[in-house]
Amino acid sequence: MSRIPPVFVSHGSPMLAVEPGVAGPMLSRLAAGLPRPEAILVVSAHWEAAGPVVSRASRPRTIHDFRGFPRVLYELAYDAPGAPVLAAQAQTLLEGAGFEPAPPADRGLDHGAWIPLRYMFPDADVPVTQLSIAPARGAAWHLELGRALQPLTRQGVLVLGSGGLTHNLGEFRGQPADAPAPAWVGEFADWVAARLAAGEAETLVAYRSRAPQALRNHPTEEHFLPLLVALGAAGSGGTGRRVPGGVAHGVLAMDAFVMAPVLAGAAAPSLA
């Protein structure tokens, strides 16, 4: 069974589902370069809870958790099978690590999950489930949450964090899709990429006080926390390799990161 490196993706606007831009083809290539997973655990910015909750849904519905977008988006579906066995495994790992997860829920896939998955696994034939984030618990907690999930990566599971490398909805509104990126977006994105490449997990945990323009790029934390979960799932000392995805609407950096476990024999995807 292949070891699967954890991955973080920026899912951007829901319009990504019908406007691939640079990020859509990148996500397809990224997935093609990974070992095929047995199942997928998505940690999305769009499922928030007080603590960790996993979904045990055997046939998760497609959740259209957005408003005011073109009708075509509400007609899209991602009919992948659920992964209740994986959900139970994740529940056990979290309990063993002292996280006290809530009872599993029967929840579908929000757009932070199904939109990138439509590009990554378009046949919808890989079982998938979700794990919530808990923004009130902070950055360090999410890094440790990911570390508790590391054993799954050795069992053919893709731990997929889905959020945004940058995410400021106030600056996003009214921007055309091809708007140029201001310097404050690039400065932050490059800082994060450099810290990931160097494996500086603790510096990333402190990003709000240490990264340039952190609060402007992330007025709230929920879209950054899945990155820390994915990094944590690579294990202590793990690193992240940037996969460029361009910038959408000027302020949404769409890069992905493939996390590299320290353990020998970790799968190294080819993105050529």
C-alpha atoms as a PDB file:
ATOM      1  CA  MET A   1       0.000   0.000   0.000  1.00  0.00           C
ATOM      2  CA  SER A   2       1.466   3.355  -1.046  1.00  0.00           C
ATOM      3  CA  ARG A   3       2.308   6.097   1.400  1.00  0.00           C
ATOM      4  CA  ILE A   4       0.438   9.211   0.254  1.00  0.00           C
ATOM      5  CA  PRO A   5       1.928  12.634   0.954  1.00  0.00           C
ATOM      6  CA  PRO A   6      -0.558  15.045   2.513  1.00  0.00           C
ATOM      7  CA  VAL A   7      -1.623  17.895   0.245  1.00  0.00           C
ATOM      8  CA  PHE A   8      -2.972  21.400   0.775  1.00  0.00           C
ATOM      9  CA  VAL A   9      -5.021  23.038  -1.983  1.00  0.00           C
ATOM     10  CA  SER A  10      -6.435  26.531  -2.345  1.00  0.00           C
ATOM     11  CA  HIS A  11     -10.021  26.198  -3.505  1.00  0.00           C
ATOM     12  CA  GLY A  12     -10.599  29.895  -4.241  1.00  0.00           C
ATOM     13  CA  SER A  13     -14.030  31.089  -5.326  1.00  0.00           C
ATOM     14  CA  PRO A  14     -16.834  28.603  -6.110  1.00  0.00           C
ATOM     15  CA  MET A  15     -16.444  29.802  -9.704  1.00  0.00           C
ATOM     16  CA  LEU A  16     -13.366  27.585  -9.901  1.00  0.00           C
ATOM     17  CA  ALA A  17     -15.813  24.767 -10.653  1.00  0.00           C
ATOM     18  CA  VAL A  18     -16.613  26.282 -14.070  1.00  0.00           C
ATOM     19  CA  GLU A  19     -13.653  28.625 -14.623  1.00  0.00           C
ATOM     20  CA  PRO A  20     -10.532  26.438 -14.295  1.00  0.00           C
ATOM     21  CA  GLY A  21      -7.985  29.181 -14.871  1.00  0.00           C
ATOM     22  CA  VAL A  22      -4.493  28.092 -13.902  1.00  0.00           C
ATOM     23  CA  ALA A  23      -5.542  26.217 -10.766  1.00  0.00           C
ATOM     24  CA  GLY A  24      -7.925  23.689 -12.329  1.00  0.00           C
ATOM     25  CA  PRO A  25      -5.379  22.035 -14.656  1.00  0.00           C
ATOM     26  CA  MET A  26      -2.759  22.244 -11.897  1.00  0.00           C
ATOM     27  CA  LEU A  27      -5.006  20.257  -9.551  1.00  0.00           C
ATOM     28  CA  SER A  28      -5.526  17.621 -12.241  1.00  0.00           C
ATOM     29  CA  ARG A  29      -1.783  17.265 -12.805  1.00  0.00           C
ATOM     30  CA  LEU A  30      -1.075  17.194  -9.089  1.00  0.00           C
ATOM     31  CA  ALA A  31      -3.472  14.307  -8.498  1.00  0.00           C
ATOM     32  CA  ALA A  32      -2.176  12.406 -11.525  1.00  0.00           C
ATOM     33  CA  GLY A  33       1.306  12.509  -9.995  1.00  0.00           C
ATOM     34  CA  LEU A  34       0.236  11.043  -6.674  1.00  0.00           C
ATOM     35  CA  PRO A  35      -0.104   7.344  -5.878  1.00  0.00           C
ATOM     36  CA  ARG A  36      -3.777   6.492  -6.214  1.00  0.00           C
ATOM     37  CA  PRO A  37      -5.331   6.757  -2.758  1.00  0.00           C
ATOM     38  CA  GLU A  38      -7.512   4.111  -1.167  1.00  0.00           C
ATOM     39  CA  ALA A  39      -9.600   6.901   0.390  1.00  0.00           C
ATOM     40  CA  ILE A  40      -9.512  10.659   0.986  1.00  0.00           C
ATOM     41  CA  LEU A  41      -9.919  12.620   4.214  1.00  0.00           C
ATOM     42  CA  VAL A  42     -10.698  16.263   3.419  1.00  0.00           C
ATOM     43  CA  VAL A  43     -10.138  18.954   6.036  1.00  0.00           C
ATOM     44  CA  SER A  44     -12.061  21.907   4.628  1.00  0.00           C
ATOM     45  CA  ALA A  45     -12.258  25.510   5.779  1.00  0.00           C
ATOM     46  CA  HIS A  46     -16.015  25.296   5.288  1.00  0.00           C
ATOM     47  CA  TRP A  47     -16.793  22.858   8.085  1.00  0.00           C
ATOM     48  CA  GLU A  48     -16.276  24.570  11.408  1.00  0.00           C
ATOM     49  CA  ALA A  49     -17.094  23.060  14.792  1.00  0.00           C
ATOM     50  CA  ALA A  50     -16.094  23.463  18.428  1.00  0.00           C
ATOM     51  CA  GLY A  51     -13.825  20.438  18.130  1.00  0.00           C
ATOM     52  CA  PRO A  52     -13.050  17.667  15.654  1.00  0.00           C
ATOM     53  CA  VAL A  53     -15.994  15.922  13.992  1.00  0.00           C
ATOM     54  CA  VAL A  54     -15.758  13.297  11.248  1.00  0.00           C
ATOM     55  CA  SER A  55     -18.459  12.415   8.751  1.00  0.00           C
ATOM     56  CA  ARG A  56     -19.589   8.801   8.599  1.00  0.00           C
ATOM     57  CA  ALA A  57     -21.885   9.366   5.596  1.00  0.00           C
ATOM     58  CA  SER A  58     -21.869   6.347   3.283  1.00  0.00           C
ATOM     59  CA  ARG A  59     -23.071   8.417   0.329  1.00  0.00           C
ATOM     60  CA  PRO A  60     -22.232  12.070   1.072  1.00  0.00           C
ATOM     61  CA  ARG A  61     -24.446  14.598  -0.660  1.00  0.00           C
ATOM     62  CA  THR A  62     -23.043  17.570  -2.561  1.00  0.00           C
ATOM     63  CA  ILE A  63     -23.495  20.692  -0.419  1.00  0.00           C
ATOM     64  CA  HIS A  64     -23.887  23.965  -2.325  1.00  0.00           C
ATOM     65  CA  ASP A  65     -22.859  26.167   0.584  1.00  0.00           C
ATOM     66  CA  PHE A  66     -22.723  29.509  -1.255  1.00  0.00           C
ATOM     67  CA  ARG A  67     -25.192  32.102  -2.460  1.00  0.00           C
ATOM     68  CA  GLY A  68     -25.542  34.476  -5.371  1.00  0.00           C
ATOM     69  CA  PHE A  69     -23.569  32.488  -7.939  1.00  0.00           C
ATOM     70  CA  PRO A  70     -24.683  31.342 -11.425  1.00  0.00           C
ATOM     71  CA  ARG A  71     -27.299  28.604 -11.565  1.00  0.00           C
ATOM     72  CA  VAL A  72     -24.904  26.167 -13.213  1.00  0.00           C
ATOM     73  CA  LEU A  73     -22.960  25.802  -9.962  1.00  0.00           C
ATOM     74  CA  TYR A  74     -26.043  24.558  -8.121  1.00  0.00           C
ATOM     75  CA  GLU A  75     -26.576  21.883 -10.765  1.00  0.00           C
ATOM     76  CA  LEU A  76     -23.143  20.330 -10.252  1.00  0.00           C
ATOM     77  CA  ALA A  77     -22.711  17.237  -8.107  1.00  0.00           C
ATOM     78  CA  TYR A  78     -19.856  15.049  -6.940  1.00  0.00           C
ATOM     79  CA  ASP A  79     -21.239  11.589  -6.281  1.00  0.00           C
ATOM     80  CA  ALA A  80     -18.273   9.856  -4.673  1.00  0.00           C
ATOM     81  CA  PRO A  81     -18.846   7.055  -2.179  1.00  0.00           C
ATOM     82  CA  GLY A  82     -18.365   7.874   1.467  1.00  0.00           C
ATOM     83  CA  ALA A  83     -15.634   6.447   3.651  1.00  0.00           C
ATOM     84  CA  PRO A  84     -17.208   5.410   6.976  1.00  0.00           C
ATOM     85  CA  VAL A  85     -14.339   2.990   7.703  1.00  0.00           C
ATOM     86  CA  LEU A  86     -11.835   5.815   7.298  1.00  0.00           C
ATOM     87  CA  ALA A  87     -14.019   8.026   9.479  1.00  0.00           C
ATOM     88  CA  ALA A  88     -13.872   5.405  12.236  1.00  0.00           C
ATOM     89  CA  GLN A  89     -10.088   5.144  11.879  1.00  0.00           C
ATOM     90  CA  ALA A  90      -9.702   8.911  12.136  1.00  0.00           C
ATOM     91  CA  GLN A  91     -11.993   8.963  15.173  1.00  0.00           C
ATOM     92  CA  THR A  92      -9.840   6.337  16.892  1.00  0.00           C
ATOM     93  CA  LEU A  93      -6.603   8.173  16.115  1.00  0.00           C
ATOM     94  CA  LEU A  94      -7.967  11.450  17.441  1.00  0.00           C
ATOM     95  CA  GLU A  95      -9.247   9.821  20.596  1.00  0.00           C
ATOM     96  CA  GLY A  96      -5.870   8.175  21.135  1.00  0.00           C
ATOM     97  CA  ALA A  97      -4.147  11.535  20.784  1.00  0.00           C
ATOM     98  CA  GLY A  98      -6.428  13.135  23.369  1.00  0.00           C
ATOM     99  CA  PHE A  99      -8.533  15.294  21.065  1.00  0.00           C
ATOM    100  CA  GLU A 100     -11.945  14.130  22.356  1.00  0.00           C
ATOM    101  CA  PRO A 101     -13.754  14.233  18.999  1.00  0.00           C
ATOM    102  CA  ALA A 102     -17.516  14.644  18.949  1.00  0.00           C
ATOM    103  CA  PRO A 103     -19.701  11.746  17.795  1.00  0.00           C
ATOM    104  CA  PRO A 104     -19.503  11.286  14.003  1.00  0.00           C
ATOM    105  CA  ALA A 105     -21.958  13.196  11.835  1.00  0.00           C
ATOM    106  CA  ASP A 106     -23.779  12.290   8.623  1.00  0.00           C
ATOM    107  CA  ARG A 107     -22.514  15.225   6.598  1.00  0.00           C
ATOM    108  CA  GLY A 108     -22.041  15.757   2.895  1.00  0.00           C
ATOM    109  CA  LEU A 109     -19.179  17.388   0.998  1.00  0.00           C
ATOM    110  CA  ASP A 110     -18.971  21.180   1.099  1.00  0.00           C
ATOM    111  CA  HIS A 111     -17.574  23.158  -1.802  1.00  0.00           C
ATOM    112  CA  GLY A 112     -14.123  23.234  -0.232  1.00  0.00           C
ATOM    113  CA  ALA A 113     -14.116  19.470  -0.803  1.00  0.00           C
ATOM    114  CA  TRP A 114     -16.073  18.719  -3.951  1.00  0.00           C
ATOM    115  CA  ILE A 115     -14.832  21.549  -6.172  1.00  0.00           C
ATOM    116  CA  PRO A 116     -11.125  20.648  -6.013  1.00  0.00           C
ATOM    117  CA  LEU A 117     -11.987  16.941  -6.052  1.00  0.00           C
ATOM    118  CA  ARG A 118     -13.813  17.385  -9.371  1.00  0.00           C
ATOM    119  CA  TYR A 119     -10.442  18.307 -10.891  1.00  0.00           C
ATOM    120  CA  MET A 120      -8.310  15.898  -8.908  1.00  0.00           C
ATOM    121  CA  PHE A 121     -10.481  12.769  -9.157  1.00  0.00           C
ATOM    122  CA  PRO A 122     -13.126  13.549 -11.783  1.00  0.00           C
ATOM    123  CA  ASP A 123     -14.515  10.007 -11.891  1.00  0.00           C
ATOM    124  CA  ALA A 124     -15.645  10.378  -8.246  1.00  0.00           C
ATOM    125  CA  ASP A 125     -14.621   6.781  -7.601  1.00  0.00           C
ATOM    126  CA  VAL A 126     -12.383   7.238  -4.539  1.00  0.00           C
ATOM    127  CA  PRO A 127     -14.184   7.038  -1.165  1.00  0.00           C
ATOM    128  CA  VAL A 128     -14.108  10.385   0.620  1.00  0.00           C
ATOM    129  CA  THR A 129     -15.041  11.791   4.003  1.00  0.00           C
ATOM    130  CA  GLN A 130     -14.479  15.053   5.842  1.00  0.00           C
ATOM    131  CA  LEU A 131     -13.053  16.234   9.153  1.00  0.00           C
ATOM    132  CA  SER A 132     -14.023  19.586  10.633  1.00  0.00           C
ATOM    133  CA  ILE A 133     -11.736  22.365  11.754  1.00  0.00           C
ATOM    134  CA  ALA A 134     -12.120  24.295  15.015  1.00  0.00           C
ATOM    135  CA  PRO A 135     -10.921  27.877  14.481  1.00  0.00           C
ATOM    136  CA  ALA A 136     -11.313  28.804  18.134  1.00  0.00           C
ATOM    137  CA  ARG A 137      -8.619  26.254  19.039  1.00  0.00           C
ATOM    138  CA  GLY A 138      -5.874  28.118  17.170  1.00  0.00           C
ATOM    139  CA  ALA A 139      -3.033  27.308  14.809  1.00  0.00           C
ATOM    140  CA  ALA A 140      -0.875  25.083  17.052  1.00  0.00           C
ATOM    141  CA  TRP A 141      -3.866  22.863  17.815  1.00  0.00           C
ATOM    142  CA  HIS A 142      -4.456  22.272  14.096  1.00  0.00           C
ATOM    143  CA  LEU A 143      -0.827  21.353  13.502  1.00  0.00           C
ATOM    144  CA  GLU A 144      -1.125  18.732  16.248  1.00  0.00           C
ATOM    145  CA  LEU A 145      -4.449  17.570  14.821  1.00  0.00           C
ATOM    146  CA  GLY A 146      -2.649  16.811  11.571  1.00  0.00           C
ATOM    147  CA  ARG A 147       0.143  14.988  13.385  1.00  0.00           C
ATOM    148  CA  ALA A 148      -2.437  12.713  14.985  1.00  0.00           C
ATOM    149  CA  LEU A 149      -3.597  11.755  11.471  1.00  0.00           C
ATOM    150  CA  GLN A 150      -0.142  10.871  10.142  1.00  0.00           C
ATOM    151  CA  PRO A 151      -0.672   7.070  10.398  1.00  0.00           C
ATOM    152  CA  LEU A 152      -3.408   7.349   7.771  1.00  0.00           C
ATOM    153  CA  THR A 153      -0.879   8.479   5.166  1.00  0.00           C
ATOM    154  CA  ARG A 154       0.856   5.093   5.528  1.00  0.00           C
ATOM    155  CA  GLN A 155      -2.434   3.304   4.860  1.00  0.00           C
ATOM    156  CA  GLY A 156      -3.095   4.733   1.403  1.00  0.00           C
ATOM    157  CA  VAL A 157      -5.134   7.714   2.632  1.00  0.00           C
ATOM    158  CA  LEU A 158      -4.794  11.164   1.092  1.00  0.00           C
ATOM    159  CA  VAL A 159      -5.098  13.786   3.827  1.00  0.00           C
ATOM    160  CA  LEU A 160      -6.263  16.801   1.841  1.00  0.00           C
ATOM    161  CA  GLY A 161      -6.356  20.231   3.464  1.00  0.00           C
ATOM    162  CA  SER A 162      -8.555  22.638   1.510  1.00  0.00           C
ATOM    163  CA  GLY A 163      -8.552  26.355   2.232  1.00  0.00           C
ATOM    164  CA  GLY A 164      -6.776  29.327   0.735  1.00  0.00           C
ATOM    165  CA  LEU A 165      -3.184  30.447   0.714  1.00  0.00           C
ATOM    166  CA  THR A 166      -4.709  33.924   0.875  1.00  0.00           C
ATOM    167  CA  HIS A 167      -8.334  34.722   1.681  1.00  0.00           C
ATOM    168  CA  ASN A 168      -9.737  38.229   2.065  1.00  0.00           C
ATOM    169  CA  LEU A 169     -13.352  38.373   0.913  1.00  0.00           C
ATOM    170  CA  GLY A 170     -13.573  42.123   1.410  1.00  0.00           C
ATOM    171  CA  GLU A 171     -10.767  42.675  -1.084  1.00  0.00           C
ATOM    172  CA  PHE A 172     -12.092  39.915  -3.384  1.00  0.00           C
ATOM    173  CA  ARG A 173     -15.516  41.418  -4.050  1.00  0.00           C
ATOM    174  CA  GLY A 174     -15.703  43.291  -7.319  1.00  0.00           C
ATOM    175  CA  GLN A 175     -12.336  42.097  -8.606  1.00  0.00           C
ATOM    176  CA  PRO A 176     -12.313  40.635 -12.127  1.00  0.00           C
ATOM    177  CA  ALA A 177     -10.952  37.102 -12.434  1.00  0.00           C
ATOM    178  CA  ASP A 178      -7.799  38.320 -14.187  1.00  0.00           C
ATOM    179  CA  ALA A 179      -7.053  41.261 -11.887  1.00  0.00           C
ATOM    180  CA  PRO A 180      -3.330  41.650 -11.139  1.00  0.00           C
ATOM    181  CA  ALA A 181      -2.110  40.600  -7.710  1.00  0.00           C
ATOM    182  CA  PRO A 182      -1.023  43.409  -5.378  1.00  0.00           C
ATOM    183  CA  ALA A 183       2.322  43.170  -3.604  1.00  0.00           C
ATOM    184  CA  TRP A 184       0.742  42.318  -0.241  1.00  0.00           C
ATOM    185  CA  VAL A 185      -0.628  39.050  -1.644  1.00  0.00           C
ATOM    186  CA  GLY A 186       2.658  37.924  -3.164  1.00  0.00           C
ATOM    187  CA  GLU A 187       4.710  38.856  -0.104  1.00  0.00           C
ATOM    188  CA  PHE A 188       2.594  36.697   2.157  1.00  0.00           C
ATOM    189  CA  ALA A 189       2.367  33.777  -0.270  1.00  0.00           C
ATOM    190  CA  ASP A 190       6.122  33.738  -0.811  1.00  0.00           C
ATOM    191  CA  TRP A 191       6.785  33.883   2.943  1.00  0.00           C
ATOM    192  CA  VAL A 192       4.548  30.867   3.566  1.00  0.00           C
ATOM    193  CA  ALA A 193       6.150  28.932   0.703  1.00  0.00           C
ATOM    194  CA  ALA A 194       9.633  29.622   2.055  1.00  0.00           C
ATOM    195  CA  ARG A 195       8.719  28.546   5.579  1.00  0.00           C
ATOM    196  CA  LEU A 196       7.145  25.336   4.277  1.00  0.00           C
ATOM    197  CA  ALA A 197      10.156  24.534   2.120  1.00  0.00           C
ATOM    198  CA  ALA A 198      12.367  24.911   5.203  1.00  0.00           C
ATOM    199  CA  GLY A 199      10.069  22.837   7.426  1.00  0.00           C
ATOM    200  CA  GLU A 200       9.578  25.720   9.879  1.00  0.00           C
ATOM    201  CA  ALA A 201       6.332  24.487  11.406  1.00  0.00           C
ATOM    202  CA  GLU A 202       6.518  26.543  14.583  1.00  0.00           C
ATOM    203  CA  THR A 203       7.143  29.733  12.609  1.00  0.00           C
ATOM    204  CA  LEU A 204       4.081  28.968  10.497  1.00  0.00           C
ATOM    205  CA  VAL A 205       2.027  28.447  13.636  1.00  0.00           C
ATOM    206  CA  ALA A 206       2.978  32.012  14.609  1.00  0.00           C
ATOM    207  CA  TYR A 207       2.210  33.356  11.117  1.00  0.00           C
ATOM    208  CA  ARG A 208      -0.221  36.036  12.330  1.00  0.00           C
ATOM    209  CA  SER A 209       2.560  37.895  14.112  1.00  0.00           C
ATOM    210  CA  ARG A 210       5.499  36.894  11.914  1.00  0.00           C
ATOM    211  CA  ALA A 211       4.327  36.807   8.295  1.00  0.00           C
ATOM    212  CA  PRO A 212       4.165  40.001   6.205  1.00  0.00           C
ATOM    213  CA  GLN A 213       0.608  41.242   5.680  1.00  0.00           C
ATOM    214  CA  ALA A 214      -0.815  38.218   7.539  1.00  0.00           C
ATOM    215  CA  LEU A 215      -3.947  39.918   8.858  1.00  0.00           C
ATOM    216  CA  ARG A 216      -4.742  41.498   5.511  1.00  0.00           C
ATOM    217  CA  ASN A 217      -4.473  38.154   3.731  1.00  0.00           C
ATOM    218  CA  HIS A 218      -6.341  36.283   6.464  1.00  0.00           C
ATOM    219  CA  PRO A 219      -8.692  38.548   8.434  1.00  0.00           C
ATOM    220  CA  THR A 220      -9.997  35.276   9.890  1.00  0.00           C
ATOM    221  CA  GLU A 221      -8.057  32.029  10.232  1.00  0.00           C
ATOM    222  CA  GLU A 222     -10.312  29.292   8.896  1.00  0.00           C
ATOM    223  CA  HIS A 223      -8.813  29.184   5.391  1.00  0.00           C
ATOM    224  CA  PHE A 224      -5.227  28.927   6.654  1.00  0.00           C
ATOM    225  CA  LEU A 225      -5.764  26.217   9.278  1.00  0.00           C
ATOM    226  CA  PRO A 226      -6.179  23.302   6.801  1.00  0.00           C
ATOM    227  CA  LEU A 227      -2.633  24.032   5.593  1.00  0.00           C
ATOM    228  CA  LEU A 228      -1.335  23.387   9.113  1.00  0.00           C
ATOM    229  CA  VAL A 229      -3.339  20.156   9.352  1.00  0.00           C
ATOM    230  CA  ALA A 230      -1.805  18.918   6.093  1.00  0.00           C
ATOM    231  CA  LEU A 231       1.686  19.896   7.250  1.00  0.00           C
ATOM    232  CA  GLY A 232       1.126  18.154  10.569  1.00  0.00           C
ATOM    233  CA  ALA A 233       0.043  14.978   8.778  1.00  0.00           C
ATOM    234  CA  ALA A 234       3.501  14.847   7.193  1.00  0.00           C
ATOM    235  CA  GLY A 235       4.963  14.384  10.684  1.00  0.00           C
ATOM    236  CA  SER A 236       7.382  16.348  12.802  1.00  0.00           C
ATOM    237  CA  GLY A 237       9.969  18.041  10.577  1.00  0.00           C
ATOM    238  CA  GLY A 238       7.835  17.693   7.459  1.00  0.00           C
ATOM    239  CA  THR A 239       8.197  20.158   4.615  1.00  0.00           C
ATOM    240  CA  GLY A 240       5.976  21.473   1.844  1.00  0.00           C
ATOM    241  CA  ARG A 241       6.698  21.911  -1.868  1.00  0.00           C
ATOM    242  CA  ARG A 242       4.866  24.676  -3.673  1.00  0.00           C
ATOM    243  CA  VAL A 243       2.833  23.853  -6.770  1.00  0.00           C
ATOM    244  CA  PRO A 244       1.981  27.177  -8.452  1.00  0.00           C
ATOM    245  CA  GLY A 245      -1.689  27.781  -9.148  1.00  0.00           C
ATOM    246  CA  GLY A 246      -1.731  31.433 -10.113  1.00  0.00           C
ATOM    247  CA  VAL A 247      -3.811  34.172  -8.500  1.00  0.00           C
ATOM    248  CA  ALA A 248      -7.561  34.522  -9.059  1.00  0.00           C
ATOM    249  CA  HIS A 249      -9.438  37.809  -8.733  1.00  0.00           C
ATOM    250  CA  GLY A 250      -6.214  39.548  -7.755  1.00  0.00           C
ATOM    251  CA  VAL A 251      -6.245  38.456  -4.123  1.00  0.00           C
ATOM    252  CA  LEU A 252      -6.822  34.682  -4.048  1.00  0.00           C
ATOM    253  CA  ALA A 253      -3.463  32.929  -4.307  1.00  0.00           C
ATOM    254  CA  MET A 254      -4.284  29.467  -5.649  1.00  0.00           C
ATOM    255  CA  ASP A 255      -1.055  27.589  -4.940  1.00  0.00           C
ATOM    256  CA  ALA A 256      -1.078  24.033  -3.619  1.00  0.00           C
ATOM    257  CA  PHE A 257       1.559  22.354  -1.437  1.00  0.00           C
ATOM    258  CA  VAL A 258       2.629  18.733  -1.396  1.00  0.00           C
ATOM    259  CA  MET A 259       3.888  17.892   2.079  1.00  0.00           C
ATOM    260  CA  ALA A 260       6.936  15.661   2.388  1.00  0.00           C
ATOM    261  CA  PRO A 261       7.107  13.253   5.311  1.00  0.00           C
ATOM    262  CA  VAL A 262      10.502  12.866   6.948  1.00  0.00           C
ATOM    263  CA  LEU A 263      10.210   9.067   6.962  1.00  0.00           C
ATOM    264  CA  ALA A 264      12.223   7.238   4.323  1.00  0.00           C
ATOM    265  CA  GLY A 265      10.260   5.941   1.395  1.00  0.00           C
ATOM    266  CA  ALA A 266       7.711   8.730   1.262  1.00  0.00           C
ATOM    267  CA  ALA A 267       5.944   8.928  -2.077  1.00  0.00           C
ATOM    268  CA  ALA A 268       7.263  11.781  -4.213  1.00  0.00           C
ATOM    269  CA  PRO A 269       4.741  12.860  -6.838  1.00  0.00           C
ATOM    270  CA  SER A 270       5.811  13.788 -10.338  1.00  0.00           C
ATOM    271  CA  LEU A 271       4.106  16.936 -11.543  1.00  0.00           C
ATOM    272  CA  ALA A 272       5.766  17.142 -14.942  1.00  0.00           C
END
